Amino acid sequence: MGTMLAALLLLMFIGQALGGERMSCEARPMPNGREWHHRTKVGGDPQICWYPGERMKPRSELYWDTDATRPSVAPSDAVEPKDPAVPERDVVDPKDATVPQPHPDGNFADRWHALDGR
């Protein structure tokens, strides 16, 4: 009985070591209650590949789905197009005197020391 249990455990670990199912990458984790992890450089793409499941899934088991009809963001995260008839709020006029302007020489350290009196 013990030998059979040891053989079964060995087969289970070998199955995990050989790899699992291929999984499509997502551009961002979905809010579906599952634990998400990410890998970089999947398929030579610099974008971060998010996937649900175990950490450190082999890159060979991940791929980018090229199906353009499949949304990569959840509908609740979708961005609505802006209505041009509605004015933007919090837009600042760059000529407003209360808006700090960049220093022409761009040297932060010199300006910082001058403010500090050193």
PDB file of N, CA and C in Angstrom:
ATOM      1  N   MET A   1       0.827  -1.198   0.000  1.00  0.00           N
ATOM      2  CA  MET A   1       0.000   0.000   0.000  1.00  0.00           C
ATOM      3  C   MET A   1       0.871   1.263   0.000  1.00  0.00           C
ATOM      4  N   GLY A   2       1.917   1.283   0.806  1.00  0.00           N
ATOM      5  CA  GLY A   2       2.818   2.432   0.879  1.00  0.00           C
ATOM      6  C   GLY A   2       3.549   2.663  -0.424  1.00  0.00           C
ATOM      7  N   THR A   3       3.920   1.589  -1.115  1.00  0.00           N
ATOM      8  CA  THR A   3       4.619   1.714  -2.395  1.00  0.00           C
ATOM      9  C   THR A   3       3.700   2.318  -3.445  1.00  0.00           C
ATOM     10  N   MET A   4       2.428   1.890  -3.416  1.00  0.00           N
ATOM     11  CA  MET A   4       1.474   2.411  -4.383  1.00  0.00           C
ATOM     12  C   MET A   4       1.224   3.904  -4.131  1.00  0.00           C
ATOM     13  N   LEU A   5       1.147   4.314  -2.891  1.00  0.00           N
ATOM     14  CA  LEU A   5       0.956   5.720  -2.557  1.00  0.00           C
ATOM     15  C   LEU A   5       2.175   6.535  -2.992  1.00  0.00           C
ATOM     16  N   ALA A   6       3.374   6.015  -2.758  1.00  0.00           N
ATOM     17  CA  ALA A   6       4.597   6.703  -3.175  1.00  0.00           C
ATOM     18  C   ALA A   6       4.648   6.840  -4.693  1.00  0.00           C
ATOM     19  N   ALA A   7       4.253   5.786  -5.420  1.00  0.00           N
ATOM     20  CA  ALA A   7       4.239   5.843  -6.888  1.00  0.00           C
ATOM     21  C   ALA A   7       3.225   6.872  -7.377  1.00  0.00           C
ATOM     22  N   LEU A   8       2.070   6.933  -6.734  1.00  0.00           N
ATOM     23  CA  LEU A   8       1.039   7.893  -7.113  1.00  0.00           C
ATOM     24  C   LEU A   8       1.524   9.328  -6.882  1.00  0.00           C
ATOM     25  N   LEU A   9       2.162   9.572  -5.748  1.00  0.00           N
ATOM     26  CA  LEU A   9       2.710  10.899  -5.473  1.00  0.00           C
ATOM     27  C   LEU A   9       3.804  11.262  -6.468  1.00  0.00           C
ATOM     28  N   LEU A  10       4.652  10.302  -6.813  1.00  0.00           N
ATOM     29  CA  LEU A  10       5.708  10.547  -7.781  1.00  0.00           C
ATOM     30  C   LEU A  10       5.117  10.921  -9.133  1.00  0.00           C
ATOM     31  N   LEU A  11       4.082  10.197  -9.571  1.00  0.00           N
ATOM     32  CA  LEU A  11       3.433  10.513 -10.845  1.00  0.00           C
ATOM     33  C   LEU A  11       2.791  11.900 -10.811  1.00  0.00           C
ATOM     34  N   MET A  12       2.236  12.274  -9.673  1.00  0.00           N
ATOM     35  CA  MET A  12       1.618  13.579  -9.553  1.00  0.00           C
ATOM     36  C   MET A  12       2.678  14.675  -9.692  1.00  0.00           C
ATOM     37  N   PHE A  13       3.834  14.510  -9.043  1.00  0.00           N
ATOM     38  CA  PHE A  13       4.891  15.510  -9.134  1.00  0.00           C
ATOM     39  C   PHE A  13       5.500  15.555 -10.537  1.00  0.00           C
ATOM     40  N   ILE A  14       5.636  14.412 -11.186  1.00  0.00           N
ATOM     41  CA  ILE A  14       6.167  14.387 -12.556  1.00  0.00           C
ATOM     42  C   ILE A  14       5.214  15.116 -13.483  1.00  0.00           C
ATOM     43  N   GLY A  15       3.913  14.907 -13.306  1.00  0.00           N
ATOM     44  CA  GLY A  15       2.915  15.600 -14.133  1.00  0.00           C
ATOM     45  C   GLY A  15       3.019  17.102 -13.983  1.00  0.00           C
ATOM     46  N   GLN A  16       3.262  17.580 -12.767  1.00  0.00           N
ATOM     47  CA  GLN A  16       3.417  19.015 -12.558  1.00  0.00           C
ATOM     48  C   GLN A  16       4.728  19.510 -13.147  1.00  0.00           C
ATOM     49  N   ALA A  17       5.768  18.726 -13.057  1.00  0.00           N
ATOM     50  CA  ALA A  17       7.067  19.139 -13.568  1.00  0.00           C
ATOM     51  C   ALA A  17       7.076  19.204 -15.088  1.00  0.00           C
ATOM     52  N   LEU A  18       6.311  18.338 -15.751  1.00  0.00           N
ATOM     53  CA  LEU A  18       6.277  18.333 -17.202  1.00  0.00           C
ATOM     54  C   LEU A  18       5.531  19.533 -17.764  1.00  0.00           C
ATOM     55  N   GLY A  19       4.740  20.193 -16.946  1.00  0.00           N
ATOM     56  CA  GLY A  19       4.053  21.387 -17.410  1.00  0.00           C
ATOM     57  C   GLY A  19       2.550  21.227 -17.354  1.00  0.00           C
ATOM     58  N   GLY A  20       1.890  22.330 -17.574  1.00  0.00           N
ATOM     59  CA  GLY A  20       0.440  22.352 -17.498  1.00  0.00           C
ATOM     60  C   GLY A  20      -0.162  22.844 -18.790  1.00  0.00           C
ATOM     61  N   GLU A  21      -1.322  23.384 -18.662  1.00  0.00           N
ATOM     62  CA  GLU A  21      -2.058  23.830 -19.840  1.00  0.00           C
ATOM     63  C   GLU A  21      -1.534  25.158 -20.355  1.00  0.00           C
ATOM     64  N   ARG A  22      -1.680  25.370 -21.653  1.00  0.00           N
ATOM     65  CA  ARG A  22      -1.325  26.657 -22.237  1.00  0.00           C
ATOM     66  C   ARG A  22      -2.395  27.666 -21.849  1.00  0.00           C
ATOM     67  N   MET A  23      -1.975  28.890 -21.618  1.00  0.00           N
ATOM     68  CA  MET A  23      -2.895  29.905 -21.140  1.00  0.00           C
ATOM     69  C   MET A  23      -2.659  31.218 -21.882  1.00  0.00           C
ATOM     70  N   SER A  24      -3.734  31.882 -22.231  1.00  0.00           N
ATOM     71  CA  SER A  24      -3.664  33.160 -22.925  1.00  0.00           C
ATOM     72  C   SER A  24      -3.318  34.280 -21.950  1.00  0.00           C
ATOM     73  N   CYS A  25      -2.487  35.207 -22.406  1.00  0.00           N
ATOM     74  CA  CYS A  25      -2.101  36.365 -21.592  1.00  0.00           C
ATOM     75  C   CYS A  25      -3.196  37.419 -21.629  1.00  0.00           C
ATOM     76  N   GLU A  26      -3.286  38.181 -20.558  1.00  0.00           N
ATOM     77  CA  GLU A  26      -4.175  39.332 -20.493  1.00  0.00           C
ATOM     78  C   GLU A  26      -3.308  40.572 -20.275  1.00  0.00           C
ATOM     79  N   ALA A  27      -3.763  41.708 -20.761  1.00  0.00           N
ATOM     80  CA  ALA A  27      -3.015  42.956 -20.613  1.00  0.00           C
ATOM     81  C   ALA A  27      -3.031  43.459 -19.176  1.00  0.00           C
ATOM     82  N   ARG A  28      -4.056  43.077 -18.408  1.00  0.00           N
ATOM     83  CA  ARG A  28      -4.142  43.442 -16.989  1.00  0.00           C
ATOM     84  C   ARG A  28      -4.969  42.392 -16.278  1.00  0.00           C
ATOM     85  N   PRO A  29      -4.791  42.248 -14.966  1.00  0.00           N
ATOM     86  CA  PRO A  29      -5.559  41.232 -14.238  1.00  0.00           C
ATOM     87  C   PRO A  29      -7.045  41.582 -14.208  1.00  0.00           C
ATOM     88  N   MET A  30      -7.877  40.569 -14.333  1.00  0.00           N
ATOM     89  CA  MET A  30      -9.323  40.760 -14.304  1.00  0.00           C
ATOM     90  C   MET A  30      -9.828  40.681 -12.868  1.00  0.00           C
ATOM     91  N   PRO A  31     -10.821  41.487 -12.508  1.00  0.00           N
ATOM     92  CA  PRO A  31     -11.366  41.432 -11.148  1.00  0.00           C
ATOM     93  C   PRO A  31     -12.365  40.284 -11.006  1.00  0.00           C
ATOM     94  N   ASN A  32     -11.862  39.055 -10.981  1.00  0.00           N
ATOM     95  CA  ASN A  32     -12.760  37.898 -10.918  1.00  0.00           C
ATOM     96  C   ASN A  32     -12.550  37.063  -9.659  1.00  0.00           C
ATOM     97  N   GLY A  33     -11.805  37.581  -8.692  1.00  0.00           N
ATOM     98  CA  GLY A  33     -11.596  36.879  -7.434  1.00  0.00           C
ATOM     99  C   GLY A  33     -10.489  35.843  -7.465  1.00  0.00           C
ATOM    100  N   ARG A  34      -9.865  35.629  -8.614  1.00  0.00           N
ATOM    101  CA  ARG A  34      -8.758  34.673  -8.701  1.00  0.00           C
ATOM    102  C   ARG A  34      -7.444  35.381  -8.433  1.00  0.00           C
ATOM    103  N   GLU A  35      -6.428  34.607  -8.064  1.00  0.00           N
ATOM    104  CA  GLU A  35      -5.102  35.164  -7.835  1.00  0.00           C
ATOM    105  C   GLU A  35      -4.388  35.277  -9.185  1.00  0.00           C
ATOM    106  N   TRP A  36      -3.866  36.460  -9.483  1.00  0.00           N
ATOM    107  CA  TRP A  36      -3.205  36.718 -10.757  1.00  0.00           C
ATOM    108  C   TRP A  36      -1.704  36.906 -10.539  1.00  0.00           C
ATOM    109  N   HIS A  37      -0.932  36.439 -11.519  1.00  0.00           N
ATOM    110  CA  HIS A  37       0.518  36.613 -11.526  1.00  0.00           C
ATOM    111  C   HIS A  37       0.910  37.115 -12.904  1.00  0.00           C
ATOM    112  N   HIS A  38       2.141  37.546 -13.046  1.00  0.00           N
ATOM    113  CA  HIS A  38       2.568  38.050 -14.351  1.00  0.00           C
ATOM    114  C   HIS A  38       3.960  37.545 -14.714  1.00  0.00           C
ATOM    115  N   ARG A  39       4.207  37.538 -16.015  1.00  0.00           N
ATOM    116  CA  ARG A  39       5.523  37.218 -16.571  1.00  0.00           C
ATOM    117  C   ARG A  39       5.824  38.281 -17.622  1.00  0.00           C
ATOM    118  N   THR A  40       7.096  38.497 -17.863  1.00  0.00           N
ATOM    119  CA  THR A  40       7.515  39.424 -18.914  1.00  0.00           C
ATOM    120  C   THR A  40       8.128  38.619 -20.057  1.00  0.00           C
ATOM    121  N   LYS A  41       8.271  39.265 -21.178  1.00  0.00           N
ATOM    122  CA  LYS A  41       8.932  38.695 -22.362  1.00  0.00           C
ATOM    123  C   LYS A  41       8.289  37.398 -22.830  1.00  0.00           C
ATOM    124  N   VAL A  42       6.966  37.367 -22.846  1.00  0.00           N
ATOM    125  CA  VAL A  42       6.250  36.200 -23.368  1.00  0.00           C
ATOM    126  C   VAL A  42       6.117  36.377 -24.873  1.00  0.00           C
ATOM    127  N   GLY A  43       6.633  35.451 -25.624  1.00  0.00           N
ATOM    128  CA  GLY A  43       6.565  35.522 -27.079  1.00  0.00           C
ATOM    129  C   GLY A  43       7.353  36.697 -27.649  1.00  0.00           C
ATOM    130  N   GLY A  44       8.345  37.185 -26.910  1.00  0.00           N
ATOM    131  CA  GLY A  44       9.147  38.309 -27.380  1.00  0.00           C
ATOM    132  C   GLY A  44       8.460  39.652 -27.219  1.00  0.00           C
ATOM    133  N   ASP A  45       7.262  39.685 -26.641  1.00  0.00           N
ATOM    134  CA  ASP A  45       6.503  40.921 -26.454  1.00  0.00           C
ATOM    135  C   ASP A  45       6.960  41.589 -25.152  1.00  0.00           C
ATOM    136  N   PRO A  46       7.270  42.895 -25.180  1.00  0.00           N
ATOM    137  CA  PRO A  46       7.712  43.565 -23.957  1.00  0.00           C
ATOM    138  C   PRO A  46       6.584  43.831 -22.963  1.00  0.00           C
ATOM    139  N   GLN A  47       5.348  43.688 -23.405  1.00  0.00           N
ATOM    140  CA  GLN A  47       4.200  43.932 -22.529  1.00  0.00           C
ATOM    141  C   GLN A  47       4.120  42.872 -21.426  1.00  0.00           C
ATOM    142  N   ILE A  48       3.624  43.242 -20.237  1.00  0.00           N
ATOM    143  CA  ILE A  48       3.489  42.304 -19.130  1.00  0.00           C
ATOM    144  C   ILE A  48       2.306  41.381 -19.393  1.00  0.00           C
ATOM    145  N   CYS A  49       2.539  40.080 -19.271  1.00  0.00           N
ATOM    146  CA  CYS A  49       1.526  39.046 -19.474  1.00  0.00           C
ATOM    147  C   CYS A  49       0.935  38.679 -18.117  1.00  0.00           C
ATOM    148  N   TRP A  50      -0.344  38.973 -17.901  1.00  0.00           N
ATOM    149  CA  TRP A  50      -1.045  38.609 -16.668  1.00  0.00           C
ATOM    150  C   TRP A  50      -1.819  37.329 -16.893  1.00  0.00           C
ATOM    151  N   TYR A  51      -1.790  36.433 -15.918  1.00  0.00           N
ATOM    152  CA  TYR A  51      -2.509  35.166 -16.023  1.00  0.00           C
ATOM    153  C   TYR A  51      -2.979  34.742 -14.632  1.00  0.00           C
ATOM    154  N   PRO A  52      -4.124  34.060 -14.543  1.00  0.00           N
ATOM    155  CA  PRO A  52      -4.579  33.542 -13.249  1.00  0.00           C
ATOM    156  C   PRO A  52      -3.915  32.203 -12.967  1.00  0.00           C
ATOM    157  N   GLY A  53      -3.733  31.891 -11.699  1.00  0.00           N
ATOM    158  CA  GLY A  53      -3.197  30.580 -11.350  1.00  0.00           C
ATOM    159  C   GLY A  53      -1.895  30.663 -10.599  1.00  0.00           C
ATOM    160  N   GLU A  54      -1.090  29.608 -10.747  1.00  0.00           N
ATOM    161  CA  GLU A  54       0.146  29.484  -9.983  1.00  0.00           C
ATOM    162  C   GLU A  54       1.214  30.455 -10.453  1.00  0.00           C
ATOM    163  N   ARG A  55       2.043  30.869  -9.511  1.00  0.00           N
ATOM    164  CA  ARG A  55       3.147  31.778  -9.776  1.00  0.00           C
ATOM    165  C   ARG A  55       4.215  31.074 -10.623  1.00  0.00           C
ATOM    166  N   MET A  56       4.936  31.854 -11.420  1.00  0.00           N
ATOM    167  CA  MET A  56       6.069  31.381 -12.226  1.00  0.00           C
ATOM    168  C   MET A  56       5.699  30.300 -13.233  1.00  0.00           C
ATOM    169  N   LYS A  57       4.557  30.478 -13.888  1.00  0.00           N
ATOM    170  CA  LYS A  57       4.171  29.564 -14.959  1.00  0.00           C
ATOM    171  C   LYS A  57       5.219  29.694 -16.068  1.00  0.00           C
ATOM    172  N   PRO A  58       5.657  28.590 -16.658  1.00  0.00           N
ATOM    173  CA  PRO A  58       6.670  28.673 -17.718  1.00  0.00           C
ATOM    174  C   PRO A  58       6.198  29.530 -18.886  1.00  0.00           C
ATOM    175  N   ARG A  59       7.075  30.354 -19.425  1.00  0.00           N
ATOM    176  CA  ARG A  59       6.720  31.218 -20.559  1.00  0.00           C
ATOM    177  C   ARG A  59       6.237  30.395 -21.750  1.00  0.00           C
ATOM    178  N   SER A  60       6.740  29.177 -21.885  1.00  0.00           N
ATOM    179  CA  SER A  60       6.335  28.334 -23.015  1.00  0.00           C
ATOM    180  C   SER A  60       4.861  27.937 -22.943  1.00  0.00           C
ATOM    181  N   GLU A  61       4.254  28.065 -21.758  1.00  0.00           N
ATOM    182  CA  GLU A  61       2.835  27.740 -21.592  1.00  0.00           C
ATOM    183  C   GLU A  61       1.949  28.973 -21.693  1.00  0.00           C
ATOM    184  N   LEU A  62       2.550  30.136 -21.914  1.00  0.00           N
ATOM    185  CA  LEU A  62       1.794  31.381 -22.044  1.00  0.00           C
ATOM    186  C   LEU A  62       1.890  31.878 -23.477  1.00  0.00           C
ATOM    187  N   TYR A  63       0.841  32.526 -23.941  1.00  0.00           N
ATOM    188  CA  TYR A  63       0.847  33.086 -25.290  1.00  0.00           C
ATOM    189  C   TYR A  63      -0.092  34.287 -25.343  1.00  0.00           C
ATOM    190  N   TRP A  64       0.174  35.170 -26.306  1.00  0.00           N
ATOM    191  CA  TRP A  64      -0.695  36.323 -26.540  1.00  0.00           C
ATOM    192  C   TRP A  64      -1.737  35.938 -27.564  1.00  0.00           C
ATOM    193  N   ASP A  65      -3.001  36.093 -27.206  1.00  0.00           N
ATOM    194  CA  ASP A  65      -4.106  35.795 -28.104  1.00  0.00           C
ATOM    195  C   ASP A  65      -4.225  36.943 -29.100  1.00  0.00           C
ATOM    196  N   THR A  66      -4.197  36.631 -30.374  1.00  0.00           N
ATOM    197  CA  THR A  66      -4.265  37.673 -31.400  1.00  0.00           C
ATOM    198  C   THR A  66      -5.687  37.943 -31.849  1.00  0.00           C
ATOM    199  N   ASP A  67      -6.665  37.315 -31.219  1.00  0.00           N
ATOM    200  CA  ASP A  67      -8.066  37.521 -31.574  1.00  0.00           C
ATOM    201  C   ASP A  67      -8.480  38.928 -31.154  1.00  0.00           C
ATOM    202  N   ALA A  68      -8.678  39.816 -32.130  1.00  0.00           N
ATOM    203  CA  ALA A  68      -9.001  41.216 -31.834  1.00  0.00           C
ATOM    204  C   ALA A  68     -10.410  41.402 -31.298  1.00  0.00           C
ATOM    205  N   THR A  69     -11.263  40.391 -31.441  1.00  0.00           N
ATOM    206  CA  THR A  69     -12.639  40.543 -30.982  1.00  0.00           C
ATOM    207  C   THR A  69     -12.766  40.321 -29.486  1.00  0.00           C
ATOM    208  N   ARG A  70     -11.745  39.761 -28.873  1.00  0.00           N
ATOM    209  CA  ARG A  70     -11.800  39.465 -27.446  1.00  0.00           C
ATOM    210  C   ARG A  70     -11.350  40.678 -26.645  1.00  0.00           C
ATOM    211  N   PRO A  71     -12.181  41.194 -25.716  1.00  0.00           N
ATOM    212  CA  PRO A  71     -11.762  42.357 -24.938  1.00  0.00           C
ATOM    213  C   PRO A  71     -10.657  41.979 -23.950  1.00  0.00           C
ATOM    214  N   SER A  72      -9.690  42.881 -23.769  1.00  0.00           N
ATOM    215  CA  SER A  72      -8.604  42.616 -22.834  1.00  0.00           C
ATOM    216  C   SER A  72      -8.831  43.296 -21.494  1.00  0.00           C
ATOM    217  N   VAL A  73      -9.904  44.080 -21.372  1.00  0.00           N
ATOM    218  CA  VAL A  73     -10.241  44.693 -20.093  1.00  0.00           C
ATOM    219  C   VAL A  73     -11.680  44.348 -19.755  1.00  0.00           C
ATOM    220  N   ALA A  74     -11.950  44.291 -18.472  1.00  0.00           N
ATOM    221  CA  ALA A  74     -13.310  44.013 -18.028  1.00  0.00           C
ATOM    222  C   ALA A  74     -14.211  45.178 -18.399  1.00  0.00           C
ATOM    223  N   PRO A  75     -15.501  44.914 -18.699  1.00  0.00           N
ATOM    224  CA  PRO A  75     -16.397  46.002 -19.085  1.00  0.00           C
ATOM    225  C   PRO A  75     -16.475  47.111 -18.035  1.00  0.00           C
ATOM    226  N   SER A  76     -16.339  46.782 -16.752  1.00  0.00           N
ATOM    227  CA  SER A  76     -16.402  47.815 -15.717  1.00  0.00           C
ATOM    228  C   SER A  76     -15.187  48.730 -15.758  1.00  0.00           C
ATOM    229  N   ASP A  77     -14.084  48.267 -16.359  1.00  0.00           N
ATOM    230  CA  ASP A  77     -12.866  49.076 -16.444  1.00  0.00           C
ATOM    231  C   ASP A  77     -12.762  49.822 -17.772  1.00  0.00           C
ATOM    232  N   ALA A  78     -13.723  49.615 -18.646  1.00  0.00           N
ATOM    233  CA  ALA A  78     -13.660  50.224 -19.966  1.00  0.00           C
ATOM    234  C   ALA A  78     -13.745  51.745 -19.843  1.00  0.00           C
ATOM    235  N   VAL A  79     -13.028  52.447 -20.704  1.00  0.00           N
ATOM    236  CA  VAL A  79     -13.020  53.898 -20.700  1.00  0.00           C
ATOM    237  C   VAL A  79     -14.040  54.388 -21.713  1.00  0.00           C
ATOM    238  N   GLU A  80     -14.919  55.240 -21.252  1.00  0.00           N
ATOM    239  CA  GLU A  80     -15.928  55.808 -22.139  1.00  0.00           C
ATOM    240  C   GLU A  80     -15.295  56.927 -22.964  1.00  0.00           C
ATOM    241  N   PRO A  81     -15.674  57.041 -24.242  1.00  0.00           N
ATOM    242  CA  PRO A  81     -15.147  58.148 -25.036  1.00  0.00           C
ATOM    243  C   PRO A  81     -15.667  59.475 -24.489  1.00  0.00           C
ATOM    244  N   LYS A  82     -14.841  60.519 -24.575  1.00  0.00           N
ATOM    245  CA  LYS A  82     -15.210  61.825 -24.048  1.00  0.00           C
ATOM    246  C   LYS A  82     -16.150  62.530 -25.014  1.00  0.00           C
ATOM    247  N   ASP A  83     -17.108  63.248 -24.441  1.00  0.00           N
ATOM    248  CA  ASP A  83     -18.040  64.041 -25.224  1.00  0.00           C
ATOM    249  C   ASP A  83     -17.410  65.414 -25.422  1.00  0.00           C
ATOM    250  N   PRO A  84     -17.139  65.810 -26.665  1.00  0.00           N
ATOM    251  CA  PRO A  84     -16.490  67.097 -26.880  1.00  0.00           C
ATOM    252  C   PRO A  84     -17.354  68.281 -26.445  1.00  0.00           C
ATOM    253  N   ALA A  85     -18.662  68.079 -26.280  1.00  0.00           N
ATOM    254  CA  ALA A  85     -19.537  69.178 -25.868  1.00  0.00           C
ATOM    255  C   ALA A  85     -19.389  69.486 -24.380  1.00  0.00           C
ATOM    256  N   VAL A  86     -18.864  68.540 -23.602  1.00  0.00           N
ATOM    257  CA  VAL A  86     -18.697  68.747 -22.169  1.00  0.00           C
ATOM    258  C   VAL A  86     -17.306  69.315 -21.918  1.00  0.00           C
ATOM    259  N   PRO A  87     -17.228  70.493 -21.270  1.00  0.00           N
ATOM    260  CA  PRO A  87     -15.897  71.081 -21.033  1.00  0.00           C
ATOM    261  C   PRO A  87     -15.124  70.277 -20.005  1.00  0.00           C
ATOM    262  N   GLU A  88     -13.805  70.247 -20.177  1.00  0.00           N
ATOM    263  CA  GLU A  88     -12.919  69.550 -19.249  1.00  0.00           C
ATOM    264  C   GLU A  88     -12.837  70.351 -17.954  1.00  0.00           C
ATOM    265  N   ARG A  89     -12.892  69.654 -16.827  1.00  0.00           N
ATOM    266  CA  ARG A  89     -12.685  70.304 -15.540  1.00  0.00           C
ATOM    267  C   ARG A  89     -11.224  70.165 -15.155  1.00  0.00           C
ATOM    268  N   ASP A  90     -10.791  70.979 -14.277  1.00  0.00           N
ATOM    269  CA  ASP A  90      -9.420  70.951 -13.765  1.00  0.00           C
ATOM    270  C   ASP A  90      -8.372  71.244 -14.843  1.00  0.00           C
ATOM    271  N   VAL A  91      -8.772  71.934 -15.875  1.00  0.00           N
ATOM    272  CA  VAL A  91      -7.806  72.343 -16.893  1.00  0.00           C
ATOM    273  C   VAL A  91      -7.219  73.674 -16.447  1.00  0.00           C
ATOM    274  N   VAL A  92      -5.909  73.771 -16.440  1.00  0.00           N
ATOM    275  CA  VAL A  92      -5.232  74.966 -15.957  1.00  0.00           C
ATOM    276  C   VAL A  92      -4.697  75.741 -17.148  1.00  0.00           C
ATOM    277  N   ASP A  93      -4.936  77.048 -17.122  1.00  0.00           N
ATOM    278  CA  ASP A  93      -4.385  77.918 -18.150  1.00  0.00           C
ATOM    279  C   ASP A  93      -2.889  78.064 -17.885  1.00  0.00           C
ATOM    280  N   PRO A  94      -2.025  77.706 -18.836  1.00  0.00           N
ATOM    281  CA  PRO A  94      -0.581  77.763 -18.585  1.00  0.00           C
ATOM    282  C   PRO A  94      -0.080  79.177 -18.311  1.00  0.00           C
ATOM    283  N   LYS A  95      -0.831  80.221 -18.670  1.00  0.00           N
ATOM    284  CA  LYS A  95      -0.408  81.591 -18.418  1.00  0.00           C
ATOM    285  C   LYS A  95      -0.885  82.098 -17.057  1.00  0.00           C
ATOM    286  N   ASP A  96      -1.541  81.237 -16.274  1.00  0.00           N
ATOM    287  CA  ASP A  96      -2.019  81.607 -14.939  1.00  0.00           C
ATOM    288  C   ASP A  96      -0.808  81.876 -14.045  1.00  0.00           C
ATOM    289  N   ALA A  97      -0.817  83.015 -13.335  1.00  0.00           N
ATOM    290  CA  ALA A  97       0.325  83.407 -12.500  1.00  0.00           C
ATOM    291  C   ALA A  97       0.512  82.483 -11.306  1.00  0.00           C
ATOM    292  N   THR A  98      -0.535  81.762 -10.899  1.00  0.00           N
ATOM    293  CA  THR A  98      -0.410  80.878  -9.739  1.00  0.00           C
ATOM    294  C   THR A  98       0.209  79.533 -10.093  1.00  0.00           C
ATOM    295  N   VAL A  99       0.362  79.254 -11.375  1.00  0.00           N
ATOM    296  CA  VAL A  99       0.947  77.991 -11.812  1.00  0.00           C
ATOM    297  C   VAL A  99       2.458  78.159 -11.894  1.00  0.00           C
ATOM    298  N   PRO A 100       3.218  77.336 -11.137  1.00  0.00           N
ATOM    299  CA  PRO A 100       4.681  77.471 -11.190  1.00  0.00           C
ATOM    300  C   PRO A 100       5.209  77.151 -12.585  1.00  0.00           C
ATOM    301  N   GLN A 101       6.116  77.967 -13.046  1.00  0.00           N
ATOM    302  CA  GLN A 101       6.710  77.782 -14.363  1.00  0.00           C
ATOM    303  C   GLN A 101       8.082  77.136 -14.207  1.00  0.00           C
ATOM    304  N   PRO A 102       8.506  76.331 -15.171  1.00  0.00           N
ATOM    305  CA  PRO A 102       9.838  75.719 -15.075  1.00  0.00           C
ATOM    306  C   PRO A 102      10.919  76.793 -15.139  1.00  0.00           C
ATOM    307  N   HIS A 103      11.989  76.560 -14.419  1.00  0.00           N
ATOM    308  CA  HIS A 103      13.115  77.489 -14.410  1.00  0.00           C
ATOM    309  C   HIS A 103      13.836  77.373 -15.744  1.00  0.00           C
ATOM    310  N   PRO A 104      14.226  78.492 -16.336  1.00  0.00           N
ATOM    311  CA  PRO A 104      14.812  78.421 -17.680  1.00  0.00           C
ATOM    312  C   PRO A 104      16.108  77.630 -17.771  1.00  0.00           C
ATOM    313  N   ASP A 105      16.934  77.616 -16.694  1.00  0.00           N
ATOM    314  CA  ASP A 105      18.194  76.876 -16.809  1.00  0.00           C
ATOM    315  C   ASP A 105      18.022  75.392 -16.513  1.00  0.00           C
ATOM    316  N   GLY A 106      16.912  75.019 -15.857  1.00  0.00           N
ATOM    317  CA  GLY A 106      16.619  73.612 -15.617  1.00  0.00           C
ATOM    318  C   GLY A 106      17.497  72.944 -14.588  1.00  0.00           C
ATOM    319  N   ASN A 107      18.343  73.674 -13.855  1.00  0.00           N
ATOM    320  CA  ASN A 107      19.251  73.078 -12.895  1.00  0.00           C
ATOM    321  C   ASN A 107      18.591  73.032 -11.522  1.00  0.00           C
ATOM    322  N   PHE A 108      18.065  71.917 -11.155  1.00  0.00           N
ATOM    323  CA  PHE A 108      17.321  71.763  -9.910  1.00  0.00           C
ATOM    324  C   PHE A 108      18.204  71.968  -8.685  1.00  0.00           C
ATOM    325  N   ALA A 109      19.392  71.406  -8.687  1.00  0.00           N
ATOM    326  CA  ALA A 109      20.269  71.485  -7.514  1.00  0.00           C
ATOM    327  C   ALA A 109      20.606  72.928  -7.176  1.00  0.00           C
ATOM    328  N   ASP A 110      20.935  73.759  -8.175  1.00  0.00           N
ATOM    329  CA  ASP A 110      21.256  75.164  -7.920  1.00  0.00           C
ATOM    330  C   ASP A 110      20.054  75.901  -7.359  1.00  0.00           C
ATOM    331  N   ARG A 111      18.879  75.648  -7.919  1.00  0.00           N
ATOM    332  CA  ARG A 111      17.684  76.319  -7.424  1.00  0.00           C
ATOM    333  C   ARG A 111      17.359  75.867  -6.007  1.00  0.00           C
ATOM    334  N   TRP A 112      17.564  74.580  -5.697  1.00  0.00           N
ATOM    335  CA  TRP A 112      17.288  74.058  -4.357  1.00  0.00           C
ATOM    336  C   TRP A 112      18.212  74.706  -3.327  1.00  0.00           C
ATOM    337  N   HIS A 113      19.505  74.781  -3.644  1.00  0.00           N
ATOM    338  CA  HIS A 113      20.455  75.397  -2.726  1.00  0.00           C
ATOM    339  C   HIS A 113      20.160  76.872  -2.533  1.00  0.00           C
ATOM    340  N   ALA A 114      19.712  77.559  -3.580  1.00  0.00           N
ATOM    341  CA  ALA A 114      19.369  78.972  -3.464  1.00  0.00           C
ATOM    342  C   ALA A 114      18.165  79.170  -2.548  1.00  0.00           C
ATOM    343  N   LEU A 115      17.203  78.260  -2.605  1.00  0.00           N
ATOM    344  CA  LEU A 115      16.029  78.340  -1.726  1.00  0.00           C
ATOM    345  C   LEU A 115      16.415  78.047  -0.279  1.00  0.00           C
ATOM    346  N   ASP A 116      17.380  77.161  -0.099  1.00  0.00           N
ATOM    347  CA  ASP A 116      17.771  76.737   1.229  1.00  0.00           C
ATOM    348  C   ASP A 116      18.732  77.739   1.874  1.00  0.00           C
ATOM    349  N   GLY A 117      19.282  78.683   1.129  1.00  0.00           N
ATOM    350  CA  GLY A 117      20.177  79.697   1.666  1.00  0.00           C
ATOM    351  C   GLY A 117      21.603  79.215   1.799  1.00  0.00           C
ATOM    352  N   ARG A 118      21.992  78.176   1.136  1.00  0.00           N
ATOM    353  CA  ARG A 118      23.363  77.657   1.220  1.00  0.00           C
ATOM    354  C   ARG A 118      24.259  78.254   0.165  1.00  0.00           C
TER     355      ARG A 118
END
